[in-house]
Amino acid sequence: MSSHGNTSNANRAHTYDPHRADPKGAYIATAGVVIFVIATFLAWINTDDKSFSGYEADTVIPFTAYLGIGFAAALLYAAKRATRRQHRGLSLSSMAAGIAATGLSLSYLLEVPGGAERKAGFDTEIGVYVGLIGALVWAVGSFLLAMEPEGDIEHRQDGDHRTNDGTHSGN
């Protein structure tokens, strides 16, 4: 192999690889998770005389936040260690959890879940809105990452792309 081939390989290592996922979506999802976690400790509901944080209002809220922390850690780990910087199943699962967190926040915005059984009038507080923003950012970031390249396609120097079973990928 000529020295030109070695230079080409060295340059390729420092340039953008269109066959690897851009981890920007993982960073956006992580930011959304952080916002949702912060929202958990803000006031979500109040009665006539007392406010309750998301942590105090319902155990599902902090569980969702902690689940988000797990997804953020997994997305960031995959962005660093995975061949293509992501695993589509992980990205889609994180997106589903972000959508569920959005639904959870919306349910508190529309009507506090369990309010009828508690026989109390509740009003929503700032935590619900912050949680909604965080959940939306989490879901969108995961969606953006899921749209990126993923899979076990081997890229040869001659540009021929083959899957692990040796069949041609069509590029």
Protein backbone atom coordinates (compact mmCIF):
# COMPACT_ATOMS: atom_id res chain seq x y z
CA MET A 1 0.00 0.00 0.00
CA SER A 2 1.35 3.45 -0.85
CA SER A 3 1.95 6.25 1.60
CA HIS A 4 -0.97 8.05 -0.07
CA GLY A 5 -3.28 5.31 1.25
CA ASN A 6 -1.96 5.79 4.78
CA THR A 7 -2.45 9.55 4.57
CA SER A 8 -5.97 9.03 3.32
CA ASN A 9 -6.73 6.76 6.29
CA ALA A 10 -5.26 9.27 8.74
CA ASN A 11 -7.32 12.10 7.25
CA ARG A 12 -10.47 9.97 7.29
CA ALA A 13 -10.04 9.35 11.03
CA HIS A 14 -10.27 13.09 11.71
CA THR A 15 -13.21 13.90 9.43
CA TYR A 16 -16.94 13.38 9.81
CA ASP A 17 -18.01 9.80 9.11
CA PRO A 18 -21.52 9.81 7.57
CA HIS A 19 -21.94 6.17 8.55
CA ARG A 20 -21.77 6.90 12.29
CA ALA A 21 -24.54 8.51 14.31
CA ASP A 22 -24.18 12.13 15.31
CA PRO A 23 -24.49 11.96 19.12
CA LYS A 24 -26.22 15.36 19.26
CA GLY A 25 -29.59 13.65 19.84
CA ALA A 26 -28.18 11.82 22.88
CA TYR A 27 -26.98 15.14 24.31
CA ILE A 28 -30.37 16.76 23.68
CA ALA A 29 -32.19 13.81 25.29
CA THR A 30 -29.86 14.00 28.28
CA ALA A 31 -30.58 17.72 28.66
CA GLY A 32 -34.31 16.93 28.61
CA VAL A 33 -33.84 14.27 31.29
CA VAL A 34 -31.90 16.73 33.47
CA ILE A 35 -34.73 19.27 33.10
CA PHE A 36 -37.30 16.60 34.03
CA VAL A 37 -35.26 15.53 37.07
CA ILE A 38 -35.07 19.15 38.25
CA ALA A 39 -38.83 19.50 37.70
CA THR A 40 -39.42 16.50 39.97
CA PHE A 41 -38.26 18.55 42.94
CA LEU A 42 -40.30 21.65 42.02
CA ALA A 43 -43.91 22.18 43.10
CA TRP A 44 -46.32 20.23 40.88
CA ILE A 45 -49.60 20.67 42.71
CA ASN A 46 -51.05 22.75 45.50
CA THR A 47 -54.12 22.68 47.65
CA ASP A 48 -55.55 25.69 49.41
CA ASP A 49 -52.85 25.61 52.06
CA LYS A 50 -49.89 23.49 50.82
CA SER A 51 -47.74 22.82 47.74
CA PHE A 52 -46.34 19.41 46.85
CA SER A 53 -43.28 18.69 44.72
CA GLY A 54 -43.48 16.04 42.03
CA TYR A 55 -41.47 13.86 44.38
CA GLU A 56 -44.14 14.23 47.08
CA ALA A 57 -47.17 14.21 44.79
CA ASP A 58 -46.79 10.81 43.17
CA THR A 59 -44.11 8.09 43.13
CA VAL A 60 -44.48 7.73 39.36
CA ILE A 61 -42.92 11.17 38.81
CA PRO A 62 -39.54 10.44 40.46
CA PHE A 63 -39.55 6.91 39.01
CA THR A 64 -39.90 8.42 35.54
CA ALA A 65 -37.07 10.84 36.30
CA TYR A 66 -34.80 8.03 37.51
CA LEU A 67 -35.69 5.94 34.46
CA GLY A 68 -34.64 8.93 32.36
CA ILE A 69 -31.29 9.05 34.15
CA GLY A 70 -30.78 5.41 33.23
CA PHE A 71 -31.64 6.05 29.60
CA ALA A 72 -29.38 9.12 29.46
CA ALA A 73 -26.46 7.11 30.88
CA ALA A 74 -27.09 4.30 28.38
CA LEU A 75 -27.39 6.68 25.41
CA LEU A 76 -24.17 8.47 26.34
CA TYR A 77 -22.36 5.15 26.88
CA ALA A 78 -23.53 3.88 23.49
CA ALA A 79 -22.45 7.17 21.87
CA LYS A 80 -18.96 6.55 23.20
CA ARG A 81 -18.64 2.77 22.82
CA ALA A 82 -20.96 1.53 20.04
CA THR A 83 -19.49 1.10 16.57
CA ARG A 84 -22.09 3.42 15.09
CA ARG A 85 -22.46 5.55 18.28
CA GLN A 86 -25.97 4.30 19.01
CA HIS A 87 -28.27 1.31 19.27
CA ARG A 88 -31.60 1.98 17.59
CA GLY A 89 -33.56 -0.11 20.11
CA LEU A 90 -32.12 1.94 22.95
CA SER A 91 -32.89 5.22 21.18
CA LEU A 92 -36.46 4.16 20.45
CA SER A 93 -36.99 2.92 24.03
CA SER A 94 -35.71 6.23 25.36
CA MET A 95 -38.06 8.04 22.98
CA ALA A 96 -40.99 5.95 24.25
CA ALA A 97 -40.09 6.80 27.85
CA GLY A 98 -39.81 10.49 26.91
CA ILE A 99 -43.27 10.33 25.34
CA ALA A 100 -44.60 8.66 28.51
CA ALA A 101 -43.02 11.44 30.61
CA THR A 102 -44.73 13.96 28.32
CA GLY A 103 -48.06 12.21 28.89
CA LEU A 104 -47.47 12.18 32.63
CA SER A 105 -46.81 15.93 32.65
CA LEU A 106 -49.81 16.61 30.41
CA SER A 107 -52.06 14.59 32.70
CA TYR A 108 -51.11 16.87 35.60
CA LEU A 109 -51.64 19.90 33.42
CA LEU A 110 -55.15 18.81 32.38
CA GLU A 111 -56.33 17.34 35.69
CA VAL A 112 -54.33 16.01 38.61
CA PRO A 113 -54.47 12.20 38.53
CA GLY A 114 -56.11 10.77 41.63
CA GLY A 115 -57.63 14.12 42.58
CA ALA A 116 -61.12 12.64 42.80
CA GLU A 117 -60.10 9.91 45.24
CA ARG A 118 -58.27 12.43 47.41
CA LYS A 119 -61.39 14.60 47.51
CA ALA A 120 -59.38 17.77 47.27
CA GLY A 121 -59.11 20.52 44.74
CA PHE A 122 -55.65 20.77 43.22
CA ASP A 123 -54.04 23.40 41.06
CA THR A 124 -50.96 22.75 38.97
CA GLU A 125 -47.69 24.51 39.71
CA ILE A 126 -44.52 25.40 37.79
CA GLY A 127 -43.03 21.90 38.09
CA VAL A 128 -45.61 20.51 35.70
CA TYR A 129 -44.61 23.00 33.01
CA VAL A 130 -40.89 22.46 33.55
CA GLY A 131 -41.46 18.70 33.50
CA LEU A 132 -43.40 18.99 30.26
CA ILE A 133 -40.59 20.94 28.61
CA GLY A 134 -37.99 18.43 29.85
CA ALA A 135 -40.06 15.46 28.68
CA LEU A 136 -40.55 16.96 25.22
CA VAL A 137 -36.83 17.71 24.87
CA TRP A 138 -36.04 14.16 26.04
CA ALA A 139 -38.41 12.61 23.47
CA VAL A 140 -37.22 14.84 20.60
CA GLY A 141 -33.54 14.20 21.38
CA SER A 142 -34.13 10.45 21.41
CA PHE A 143 -36.04 10.72 18.12
CA LEU A 144 -33.19 12.68 16.51
CA LEU A 145 -30.71 10.02 17.60
CA ALA A 146 -32.96 7.22 16.35
CA MET A 147 -32.94 8.83 12.88
CA GLU A 148 -29.14 8.49 12.71
CA PRO A 149 -27.28 5.55 11.07
CA GLU A 150 -27.24 2.34 13.05
CA GLY A 151 -26.47 -1.29 12.44
CA ASP A 152 -23.61 -3.67 11.87
CA ILE A 153 -22.53 -2.73 8.38
CA GLU A 154 -18.84 -3.10 7.67
CA HIS A 155 -17.31 -0.33 5.57
CA ARG A 156 -14.38 -1.34 3.44
CA GLN A 157 -11.89 1.14 2.02
CA ASP A 158 -13.07 0.48 -1.53
CA GLY A 159 -16.53 1.83 -0.62
CA ASP A 160 -18.26 -1.53 -0.85
CA HIS A 161 -20.65 -1.97 2.06
CA ARG A 162 -21.45 -5.45 3.25
CA THR A 163 -23.52 -6.67 6.17
CA ASN A 164 -22.12 -9.14 8.70
CA ASP A 165 -23.50 -12.09 6.71
CA GLY A 166 -21.54 -10.93 3.63
CA THR A 167 -24.49 -9.71 1.56
CA HIS A 168 -24.31 -6.35 -0.18
CA SER A 169 -26.17 -3.50 1.57
CA GLY A 170 -27.09 -1.69 -1.64
CA ASN A 171 -24.76 1.34 -1.37
